Each structure stands twice: as structure tokens, then as C-alpha cells.
Amino acid sequence: MLHPELGNYAVIKHPNFDVPEGEKLEFYCLYCNKPLLSERNVNLAKILMSDEDGLTYEIHFSRIAGQHSTYKIIGENFEFFGEDAEEYRLNFDY
């Protein structure tokens, strides 16, 4: 389980489940089982997140284990999180 706070990279997992750093992970929707792929970069996953005001954001995050890159997008407004966020920042410029 990934932490819901953007920029917090803590995870909860079974103690016997190890993911090697650098491995590309696959993320799927729990309801429809479709892959959560970002159209901005093959190494990013994408979900939609709504806040308490009803605004919906695109959240893109790294699929590479150990890489801390998260992006919050609404319209042309971007927020970047994580020490590795510069890795994909150029892919977000219009």
C-alpha cells in the first residue's frame, strides 16, 4: 500500500515481499484491473485524486522502485514532490 500523502514514500507491504531497487513496477486499478499508465512517460503511473473541495487532480508517480518522483497536475498547474522529481520534469513542460 502506498501512502496517500503526496511526497511521503512510506509503504506497507508483507515482510516477505521484496522489490529490488530500480525494478519497474506495474500498477492496476483495483476495480477494473486496467493498468495505471501515464501518457507523459512510460516510467510513470497515473491516477486521479479528488480533494475535500471537489477538485480532481492528475497524480503521476514513478513506477521505478526506490525512485521518489510524484507530480500533481490540474490544468496547467504543476506541483512536484520527491528528490527524484527532476528526472521527468522536462516531460511536463508545455
PDB file of N, CA and C in Angstrom:
ATOM      1  N   MET A   1       0.842  -1.173   0.000  1.00  0.00           N
ATOM      2  CA  MET A   1       0.000   0.000   0.000  1.00  0.00           C
ATOM      3  C   MET A   1       0.887   1.235   0.000  1.00  0.00           C
ATOM      4  N   LEU A   2       0.541   2.170  -0.869  1.00  0.00           N
ATOM      5  CA  LEU A   2       1.276   3.424  -0.944  1.00  0.00           C
ATOM      6  C   LEU A   2       0.637   4.449  -0.014  1.00  0.00           C
ATOM      7  N   HIS A   3       1.449   5.323   0.539  1.00  0.00           N
ATOM      8  CA  HIS A   3       0.942   6.364   1.425  1.00  0.00           C
ATOM      9  C   HIS A   3       0.165   7.387   0.605  1.00  0.00           C
ATOM     10  N   PRO A   4      -1.015   7.838   1.071  1.00  0.00           N
ATOM     11  CA  PRO A   4      -1.813   8.783   0.294  1.00  0.00           C
ATOM     12  C   PRO A   4      -1.289  10.222   0.309  1.00  0.00           C
ATOM     13  N   GLU A   5      -0.385  10.562   1.234  1.00  0.00           N
ATOM     14  CA  GLU A   5       0.163  11.918   1.291  1.00  0.00           C
ATOM     15  C   GLU A   5       1.218  12.073   0.192  1.00  0.00           C
ATOM     16  N   LEU A   6       1.033  13.078  -0.676  1.00  0.00           N
ATOM     17  CA  LEU A   6       1.990  13.288  -1.761  1.00  0.00           C
ATOM     18  C   LEU A   6       3.348  13.662  -1.192  1.00  0.00           C
ATOM     19  N   GLY A   7       4.384  12.997  -1.675  1.00  0.00           N
ATOM     20  CA  GLY A   7       5.735  13.220  -1.197  1.00  0.00           C
ATOM     21  C   GLY A   7       6.141  12.321  -0.045  1.00  0.00           C
ATOM     22  N   ASN A   8       5.210  11.535   0.479  1.00  0.00           N
ATOM     23  CA  ASN A   8       5.526  10.570   1.534  1.00  0.00           C
ATOM     24  C   ASN A   8       5.677   9.211   0.852  1.00  0.00           C
ATOM     25  N   TYR A   9       6.864   8.649   0.881  1.00  0.00           N
ATOM     26  CA  TYR A   9       7.148   7.424   0.137  1.00  0.00           C
ATOM     27  C   TYR A   9       7.168   6.179   1.021  1.00  0.00           C
ATOM     28  N   ALA A  10       6.539   6.265   2.191  1.00  0.00           N
ATOM     29  CA  ALA A  10       6.395   5.092   3.050  1.00  0.00           C
ATOM     30  C   ALA A  10       5.425   4.107   2.397  1.00  0.00           C
ATOM     31  N   VAL A  11       5.692   2.837   2.537  1.00  0.00           N
ATOM     32  CA  VAL A  11       4.798   1.802   2.005  1.00  0.00           C
ATOM     33  C   VAL A  11       4.522   0.772   3.089  1.00  0.00           C
ATOM     34  N   ILE A  12       3.382   0.121   2.960  1.00  0.00           N
ATOM     35  CA  ILE A  12       3.052  -1.009   3.823  1.00  0.00           C
ATOM     36  C   ILE A  12       3.014  -2.226   2.925  1.00  0.00           C
ATOM     37  N   LYS A  13       3.796  -3.239   3.284  1.00  0.00           N
ATOM     38  CA  LYS A  13       3.851  -4.458   2.471  1.00  0.00           C
ATOM     39  C   LYS A  13       4.117  -5.651   3.374  1.00  0.00           C
ATOM     40  N   HIS A  14       3.857  -6.804   2.844  1.00  0.00           N
ATOM     41  CA  HIS A  14       4.147  -8.037   3.568  1.00  0.00           C
ATOM     42  C   HIS A  14       5.657  -8.129   3.765  1.00  0.00           C
ATOM     43  N   PRO A  15       6.131  -8.548   4.940  1.00  0.00           N
ATOM     44  CA  PRO A  15       7.572  -8.590   5.204  1.00  0.00           C
ATOM     45  C   PRO A  15       8.349  -9.506   4.257  1.00  0.00           C
ATOM     46  N   ASN A  16       7.703 -10.492   3.661  1.00  0.00           N
ATOM     47  CA  ASN A  16       8.398 -11.387   2.735  1.00  0.00           C
ATOM     48  C   ASN A  16       8.380 -10.900   1.293  1.00  0.00           C
ATOM     49  N   PHE A  17       7.753  -9.768   1.051  1.00  0.00           N
ATOM     50  CA  PHE A  17       7.648  -9.222  -0.300  1.00  0.00           C
ATOM     51  C   PHE A  17       8.723  -8.167  -0.494  1.00  0.00           C
ATOM     52  N   ASP A  18       9.759  -8.503  -1.241  1.00  0.00           N
ATOM     53  CA  ASP A  18      10.850  -7.573  -1.505  1.00  0.00           C
ATOM     54  C   ASP A  18      10.825  -7.156  -2.963  1.00  0.00           C
ATOM     55  N   VAL A  19      11.012  -5.873  -3.183  1.00  0.00           N
ATOM     56  CA  VAL A  19      11.086  -5.329  -4.531  1.00  0.00           C
ATOM     57  C   VAL A  19      12.486  -4.749  -4.698  1.00  0.00           C
ATOM     58  N   PRO A  20      13.254  -5.289  -5.635  1.00  0.00           N
ATOM     59  CA  PRO A  20      14.603  -4.757  -5.843  1.00  0.00           C
ATOM     60  C   PRO A  20      14.565  -3.302  -6.324  1.00  0.00           C
ATOM     61  N   GLU A  21      15.427  -2.485  -5.767  1.00  0.00           N
ATOM     62  CA  GLU A  21      15.524  -1.093  -6.187  1.00  0.00           C
ATOM     63  C   GLU A  21      15.831  -1.036  -7.681  1.00  0.00           C
ATOM     64  N   GLY A  22      15.138  -0.153  -8.379  1.00  0.00           N
ATOM     65  CA  GLY A  22      15.333   0.008  -9.813  1.00  0.00           C
ATOM     66  C   GLY A  22      14.390  -0.825 -10.666  1.00  0.00           C
ATOM     67  N   GLU A  23      13.661  -1.758 -10.066  1.00  0.00           N
ATOM     68  CA  GLU A  23      12.726  -2.591 -10.827  1.00  0.00           C
ATOM     69  C   GLU A  23      11.512  -1.765 -11.253  1.00  0.00           C
ATOM     70  N   LYS A  24      11.064  -1.917 -12.500  1.00  0.00           N
ATOM     71  CA  LYS A  24       9.866  -1.225 -12.975  1.00  0.00           C
ATOM     72  C   LYS A  24       8.644  -2.021 -12.542  1.00  0.00           C
ATOM     73  N   LEU A  25       7.731  -1.344 -11.865  1.00  0.00           N
ATOM     74  CA  LEU A  25       6.543  -1.986 -11.314  1.00  0.00           C
ATOM     75  C   LEU A  25       5.318  -1.725 -12.191  1.00  0.00           C
ATOM     76  N   GLU A  26       4.365  -2.626 -12.090  1.00  0.00           N
ATOM     77  CA  GLU A  26       3.086  -2.471 -12.775  1.00  0.00           C
ATOM     78  C   GLU A  26       2.036  -2.127 -11.729  1.00  0.00           C
ATOM     79  N   PHE A  27       1.221  -1.111 -11.985  1.00  0.00           N
ATOM     80  CA  PHE A  27       0.133  -0.723 -11.103  1.00  0.00           C
ATOM     81  C   PHE A  27      -1.179  -0.887 -11.857  1.00  0.00           C
ATOM     82  N   TYR A  28      -2.202  -1.425 -11.172  1.00  0.00           N
ATOM     83  CA  TYR A  28      -3.502  -1.680 -11.791  1.00  0.00           C
ATOM     84  C   TYR A  28      -4.619  -1.136 -10.923  1.00  0.00           C
ATOM     85  N   CYS A  29      -5.719  -0.760 -11.565  1.00  0.00           N
ATOM     86  CA  CYS A  29      -6.923  -0.353 -10.864  1.00  0.00           C
ATOM     87  C   CYS A  29      -7.524  -1.563 -10.158  1.00  0.00           C
ATOM     88  N   LEU A  30      -7.872  -1.395  -8.883  1.00  0.00           N
ATOM     89  CA  LEU A  30      -8.456  -2.498  -8.117  1.00  0.00           C
ATOM     90  C   LEU A  30      -9.858  -2.857  -8.595  1.00  0.00           C
ATOM     91  N   TYR A  31     -10.536  -1.933  -9.259  1.00  0.00           N
ATOM     92  CA  TYR A  31     -11.915  -2.173  -9.682  1.00  0.00           C
ATOM     93  C   TYR A  31     -12.014  -2.765 -11.077  1.00  0.00           C
ATOM     94  N   CYS A  32     -11.273  -2.190 -12.038  1.00  0.00           N
ATOM     95  CA  CYS A  32     -11.411  -2.649 -13.428  1.00  0.00           C
ATOM     96  C   CYS A  32     -10.190  -3.424 -13.927  1.00  0.00           C
ATOM     97  N   ASN A  33      -9.128  -3.467 -13.129  1.00  0.00           N
ATOM     98  CA  ASN A  33      -7.898  -4.187 -13.450  1.00  0.00           C
ATOM     99  C   ASN A  33      -7.154  -3.626 -14.659  1.00  0.00           C
ATOM    100  N   LYS A  34      -7.444  -2.372 -15.051  1.00  0.00           N
ATOM    101  CA  LYS A  34      -6.701  -1.732 -16.144  1.00  0.00           C
ATOM    102  C   LYS A  34      -5.389  -1.184 -15.598  1.00  0.00           C
ATOM    103  N   PRO A  35      -4.344  -1.173 -16.431  1.00  0.00           N
ATOM    104  CA  PRO A  35      -3.065  -0.614 -15.974  1.00  0.00           C
ATOM    105  C   PRO A  35      -3.162   0.895 -15.751  1.00  0.00           C
ATOM    106  N   LEU A  36      -2.472   1.367 -14.730  1.00  0.00           N
ATOM    107  CA  LEU A  36      -2.453   2.798 -14.403  1.00  0.00           C
ATOM    108  C   LEU A  36      -1.242   3.441 -15.071  1.00  0.00           C
ATOM    109  N   LEU A  37      -1.311   3.612 -16.362  1.00  0.00           N
ATOM    110  CA  LEU A  37      -0.190   4.131 -17.142  1.00  0.00           C
ATOM    111  C   LEU A  37      -0.348   5.624 -17.404  1.00  0.00           C
ATOM    112  N   SER A  38       0.752   6.334 -17.330  1.00  0.00           N
ATOM    113  CA  SER A  38       0.778   7.751 -17.655  1.00  0.00           C
ATOM    114  C   SER A  38       1.072   7.911 -19.135  1.00  0.00           C
ATOM    115  N   GLU A  39       0.366   8.839 -19.769  1.00  0.00           N
ATOM    116  CA  GLU A  39       0.643   9.139 -21.174  1.00  0.00           C
ATOM    117  C   GLU A  39       1.857  10.057 -21.316  1.00  0.00           C
ATOM    118  N   ARG A  40       2.380  10.572 -20.201  1.00  0.00           N
ATOM    119  CA  ARG A  40       3.511  11.502 -20.234  1.00  0.00           C
ATOM    120  C   ARG A  40       4.864  10.803 -20.288  1.00  0.00           C
ATOM    121  N   ASN A  41       4.945   9.591 -19.698  1.00  0.00           N
ATOM    122  CA  ASN A  41       6.212   8.865 -19.693  1.00  0.00           C
ATOM    123  C   ASN A  41       5.933   7.409 -19.331  1.00  0.00           C
ATOM    124  N   VAL A  42       6.595   6.474 -20.008  1.00  0.00           N
ATOM    125  CA  VAL A  42       6.372   5.042 -19.766  1.00  0.00           C
ATOM    126  C   VAL A  42       6.820   4.603 -18.371  1.00  0.00           C
ATOM    127  N   ASN A  43       7.649   5.402 -17.707  1.00  0.00           N
ATOM    128  CA  ASN A  43       8.111   5.059 -16.361  1.00  0.00           C
ATOM    129  C   ASN A  43       7.242   5.658 -15.258  1.00  0.00           C
ATOM    130  N   LEU A  44       6.102   6.250 -15.629  1.00  0.00           N
ATOM    131  CA  LEU A  44       5.195   6.837 -14.657  1.00  0.00           C
ATOM    132  C   LEU A  44       3.842   6.140 -14.684  1.00  0.00           C
ATOM    133  N   ALA A  45       3.205   6.076 -13.528  1.00  0.00           N
ATOM    134  CA  ALA A  45       1.818   5.617 -13.401  1.00  0.00           C
ATOM    135  C   ALA A  45       0.953   6.859 -13.193  1.00  0.00           C
ATOM    136  N   LYS A  46      -0.342   6.739 -13.466  1.00  0.00           N
ATOM    137  CA  LYS A  46      -1.246   7.878 -13.315  1.00  0.00           C
ATOM    138  C   LYS A  46      -2.538   7.441 -12.621  1.00  0.00           C
ATOM    139  N   ILE A  47      -2.966   8.263 -11.655  1.00  0.00           N
ATOM    140  CA  ILE A  47      -4.270   8.093 -11.014  1.00  0.00           C
ATOM    141  C   ILE A  47      -4.933   9.468 -10.954  1.00  0.00           C
ATOM    142  N   LEU A  48      -6.221   9.477 -10.664  1.00  0.00           N
ATOM    143  CA  LEU A  48      -6.938  10.725 -10.411  1.00  0.00           C
ATOM    144  C   LEU A  48      -7.220  10.795  -8.919  1.00  0.00           C
ATOM    145  N   MET A  49      -7.078  11.999  -8.348  1.00  0.00           N
ATOM    146  CA  MET A  49      -7.278  12.195  -6.915  1.00  0.00           C
ATOM    147  C   MET A  49      -8.163  13.416  -6.719  1.00  0.00           C
ATOM    148  N   SER A  50      -9.160  13.309  -5.866  1.00  0.00           N
ATOM    149  CA  SER A  50     -10.039  14.441  -5.553  1.00  0.00           C
ATOM    150  C   SER A  50      -9.757  14.927  -4.142  1.00  0.00           C
ATOM    151  N   ASP A  51      -9.827  16.260  -3.961  1.00  0.00           N
ATOM    152  CA  ASP A  51      -9.614  16.811  -2.627  1.00  0.00           C
ATOM    153  C   ASP A  51     -10.947  17.138  -1.969  1.00  0.00           C
ATOM    154  N   GLU A  52     -10.878  17.685  -0.750  1.00  0.00           N
ATOM    155  CA  GLU A  52     -12.080  17.979   0.023  1.00  0.00           C
ATOM    156  C   GLU A  52     -12.948  19.073  -0.608  1.00  0.00           C
ATOM    157  N   ASP A  53     -12.384  19.862  -1.525  1.00  0.00           N
ATOM    158  CA  ASP A  53     -13.140  20.905  -2.223  1.00  0.00           C
ATOM    159  C   ASP A  53     -13.759  20.403  -3.518  1.00  0.00           C
ATOM    160  N   GLY A  54     -13.549  19.131  -3.829  1.00  0.00           N
ATOM    161  CA  GLY A  54     -14.117  18.552  -5.041  1.00  0.00           C
ATOM    162  C   GLY A  54     -13.266  18.725  -6.278  1.00  0.00           C
ATOM    163  N   LEU A  55     -12.061  19.290  -6.148  1.00  0.00           N
ATOM    164  CA  LEU A  55     -11.162  19.416  -7.293  1.00  0.00           C
ATOM    165  C   LEU A  55     -10.516  18.070  -7.585  1.00  0.00           C
ATOM    166  N   THR A  56     -10.407  17.735  -8.854  1.00  0.00           N
ATOM    167  CA  THR A  56      -9.771  16.483  -9.252  1.00  0.00           C
ATOM    168  C   THR A  56      -8.436  16.794  -9.909  1.00  0.00           C
ATOM    169  N   TYR A  57      -7.411  16.084  -9.475  1.00  0.00           N
ATOM    170  CA  TYR A  57      -6.048  16.265  -9.954  1.00  0.00           C
ATOM    171  C   TYR A  57      -5.567  14.990 -10.634  1.00  0.00           C
ATOM    172  N   GLU A  58      -4.657  15.157 -11.584  1.00  0.00           N
ATOM    173  CA  GLU A  58      -3.894  14.011 -12.085  1.00  0.00           C
ATOM    174  C   GLU A  58      -2.706  13.849 -11.151  1.00  0.00           C
ATOM    175  N   ILE A  59      -2.458  12.637 -10.725  1.00  0.00           N
ATOM    176  CA  ILE A  59      -1.264  12.310  -9.941  1.00  0.00           C
ATOM    177  C   ILE A  59      -0.453  11.322 -10.767  1.00  0.00           C
ATOM    178  N   HIS A  60       0.765  11.707 -11.111  1.00  0.00           N
ATOM    179  CA  HIS A  60       1.692  10.835 -11.839  1.00  0.00           C
ATOM    180  C   HIS A  60       2.815  10.504 -10.867  1.00  0.00           C
ATOM    181  N   PHE A  61       3.200   9.229 -10.812  1.00  0.00           N
ATOM    182  CA  PHE A  61       4.279   8.843  -9.899  1.00  0.00           C
ATOM    183  C   PHE A  61       5.140   7.777 -10.556  1.00  0.00           C
ATOM    184  N   SER A  62       6.385   7.716 -10.115  1.00  0.00           N
ATOM    185  CA  SER A  62       7.353   6.801 -10.714  1.00  0.00           C
ATOM    186  C   SER A  62       6.970   5.344 -10.497  1.00  0.00           C
ATOM    187  N   ARG A  63       7.140   4.560 -11.546  1.00  0.00           N
ATOM    188  CA  ARG A  63       6.951   3.110 -11.469  1.00  0.00           C
ATOM    189  C   ARG A  63       8.252   2.400 -11.120  1.00  0.00           C
ATOM    190  N   ILE A  64       9.337   3.139 -10.977  1.00  0.00           N
ATOM    191  CA  ILE A  64      10.641   2.563 -10.686  1.00  0.00           C
ATOM    192  C   ILE A  64      10.826   2.475  -9.170  1.00  0.00           C
ATOM    193  N   ALA A  65      10.995   1.270  -8.655  1.00  0.00           N
ATOM    194  CA  ALA A  65      11.153   1.059  -7.211  1.00  0.00           C
ATOM    195  C   ALA A  65      12.329   1.866  -6.678  1.00  0.00           C
ATOM    196  N   GLY A  66      12.074   2.613  -5.611  1.00  0.00           N
ATOM    197  CA  GLY A  66      13.111   3.412  -4.979  1.00  0.00           C
ATOM    198  C   GLY A  66      13.238   4.815  -5.537  1.00  0.00           C
ATOM    199  N   GLN A  67      12.557   5.113  -6.629  1.00  0.00           N
ATOM    200  CA  GLN A  67      12.622   6.445  -7.225  1.00  0.00           C
ATOM    201  C   GLN A  67      11.482   7.304  -6.672  1.00  0.00           C
ATOM    202  N   HIS A  68      11.807   8.439  -6.099  1.00  0.00           N
ATOM    203  CA  HIS A  68      10.822   9.305  -5.452  1.00  0.00           C
ATOM    204  C   HIS A  68      10.485  10.477  -6.363  1.00  0.00           C
ATOM    205  N   SER A  69       9.516  10.269  -7.234  1.00  0.00           N
ATOM    206  CA  SER A  69       9.059  11.283  -8.187  1.00  0.00           C
ATOM    207  C   SER A  69       7.548  11.256  -8.240  1.00  0.00           C
ATOM    208  N   THR A  70       6.914  12.356  -7.856  1.00  0.00           N
ATOM    209  CA  THR A  70       5.459  12.460  -7.876  1.00  0.00           C
ATOM    210  C   THR A  70       5.091  13.830  -8.419  1.00  0.00           C
ATOM    211  N   TYR A  71       4.001  13.886  -9.212  1.00  0.00           N
ATOM    212  CA  TYR A  71       3.580  15.120  -9.867  1.00  0.00           C
ATOM    213  C   TYR A  71       2.078  15.273  -9.719  1.00  0.00           C
ATOM    214  N   LYS A  72       1.655  16.449  -9.264  1.00  0.00           N
ATOM    215  CA  LYS A  72       0.233  16.773  -9.111  1.00  0.00           C
ATOM    216  C   LYS A  72      -0.100  17.809 -10.182  1.00  0.00           C
ATOM    217  N   ILE A  73      -1.084  17.504 -11.022  1.00  0.00           N
ATOM    218  CA  ILE A  73      -1.399  18.368 -12.156  1.00  0.00           C
ATOM    219  C   ILE A  73      -2.890  18.676 -12.182  1.00  0.00           C
ATOM    220  N   ILE A  74      -3.209  19.940 -12.323  1.00  0.00           N
ATOM    221  CA  ILE A  74      -4.573  20.364 -12.611  1.00  0.00           C
ATOM    222  C   ILE A  74      -4.460  21.486 -13.632  1.00  0.00           C
ATOM    223  N   GLY A  75      -4.998  21.232 -14.814  1.00  0.00           N
ATOM    224  CA  GLY A  75      -4.861  22.204 -15.903  1.00  0.00           C
ATOM    225  C   GLY A  75      -3.401  22.382 -16.249  1.00  0.00           C
ATOM    226  N   GLU A  76      -2.940  23.631 -16.196  1.00  0.00           N
ATOM    227  CA  GLU A  76      -1.531  23.922 -16.492  1.00  0.00           C
ATOM    228  C   GLU A  76      -0.714  24.137 -15.222  1.00  0.00           C
ATOM    229  N   ASN A  77      -1.295  23.835 -14.066  1.00  0.00           N
ATOM    230  CA  ASN A  77      -0.595  23.985 -12.786  1.00  0.00           C
ATOM    231  C   ASN A  77       0.011  22.656 -12.356  1.00  0.00           C
ATOM    232  N   PHE A  78       1.298  22.708 -11.977  1.00  0.00           N
ATOM    233  CA  PHE A  78       2.049  21.522 -11.595  1.00  0.00           C
ATOM    234  C   PHE A  78       2.638  21.705 -10.202  1.00  0.00           C
ATOM    235  N   GLU A  79       2.666  20.627  -9.437  1.00  0.00           N
ATOM    236  CA  GLU A  79       3.445  20.560  -8.205  1.00  0.00           C
ATOM    237  C   GLU A  79       4.300  19.310  -8.304  1.00  0.00           C
ATOM    238  N   PHE A  80       5.539  19.416  -7.826  1.00  0.00           N
ATOM    239  CA  PHE A  80       6.478  18.301  -7.888  1.00  0.00           C
ATOM    240  C   PHE A  80       6.858  17.890  -6.481  1.00  0.00           C
ATOM    241  N   PHE A  81       7.003  16.588  -6.259  1.00  0.00           N
ATOM    242  CA  PHE A  81       7.372  16.045  -4.958  1.00  0.00           C
ATOM    243  C   PHE A  81       8.466  14.999  -5.140  1.00  0.00           C
ATOM    244  N   GLY A  82       9.336  14.894  -4.165  1.00  0.00           N
ATOM    245  CA  GLY A  82      10.363  13.849  -4.154  1.00  0.00           C
ATOM    246  C   GLY A  82      11.702  14.320  -4.686  1.00  0.00           C
ATOM    247  N   GLU A  83      12.750  13.728  -4.123  1.00  0.00           N
ATOM    248  CA  GLU A  83      14.109  14.137  -4.503  1.00  0.00           C
ATOM    249  C   GLU A  83      14.483  13.762  -5.936  1.00  0.00           C
ATOM    250  N   ASP A  84      13.705  12.877  -6.564  1.00  0.00           N
ATOM    251  CA  ASP A  84      13.992  12.488  -7.950  1.00  0.00           C
ATOM    252  C   ASP A  84      13.034  13.142  -8.946  1.00  0.00           C
ATOM    253  N   ALA A  85      12.276  14.152  -8.518  1.00  0.00           N
ATOM    254  CA  ALA A  85      11.259  14.769  -9.376  1.00  0.00           C
ATOM    255  C   ALA A  85      11.847  15.378 -10.641  1.00  0.00           C
ATOM    256  N   GLU A  86      13.069  15.851 -10.598  1.00  0.00           N
ATOM    257  CA  GLU A  86      13.700  16.436 -11.797  1.00  0.00           C
ATOM    258  C   GLU A  86      13.882  15.408 -12.905  1.00  0.00           C
ATOM    259  N   GLU A  87      13.857  14.130 -12.574  1.00  0.00           N
ATOM    260  CA  GLU A  87      14.050  13.053 -13.559  1.00  0.00           C
ATOM    261  C   GLU A  87      13.086  13.178 -14.734  1.00  0.00           C
ATOM    262  N   TYR A  88      11.846  13.544 -14.465  1.00  0.00           N
ATOM    263  CA  TYR A  88      10.825  13.605 -15.506  1.00  0.00           C
ATOM    264  C   TYR A  88      10.266  14.993 -15.724  1.00  0.00           C
ATOM    265  N   ARG A  89      10.772  15.989 -15.050  1.00  0.00           N
ATOM    266  CA  ARG A  89      10.203  17.339 -15.098  1.00  0.00           C
ATOM    267  C   ARG A  89      10.096  17.869 -16.527  1.00  0.00           C
ATOM    268  N   LEU A  90      11.067  17.612 -17.367  1.00  0.00           N
ATOM    269  CA  LEU A  90      11.027  18.103 -18.746  1.00  0.00           C
ATOM    270  C   LEU A  90       9.835  17.545 -19.508  1.00  0.00           C
ATOM    271  N   ASN A  91       9.369  16.376 -19.147  1.00  0.00           N
ATOM    272  CA  ASN A  91       8.228  15.769 -19.820  1.00  0.00           C
ATOM    273  C   ASN A  91       6.920  16.486 -19.483  1.00  0.00           C
ATOM    274  N   PHE A  92       6.946  17.403 -18.521  1.00  0.00           N
ATOM    275  CA  PHE A  92       5.736  18.094 -18.108  1.00  0.00           C
ATOM    276  C   PHE A  92       5.672  19.518 -18.644  1.00  0.00           C
ATOM    277  N   ASP A  93       6.739  19.981 -19.288  1.00  0.00           N
ATOM    278  CA  ASP A  93       6.719  21.327 -19.858  1.00  0.00           C
ATOM    279  C   ASP A  93       5.842  21.341 -21.103  1.00  0.00           C
ATOM    280  N   TYR A  94       5.062  22.393 -21.270  1.00  0.00           N
ATOM    281  CA  TYR A  94       4.214  22.527 -22.453  1.00  0.00           C
ATOM    282  C   TYR A  94       4.963  23.241 -23.545  1.00  0.00           C
TER     283      TYR A  94
END
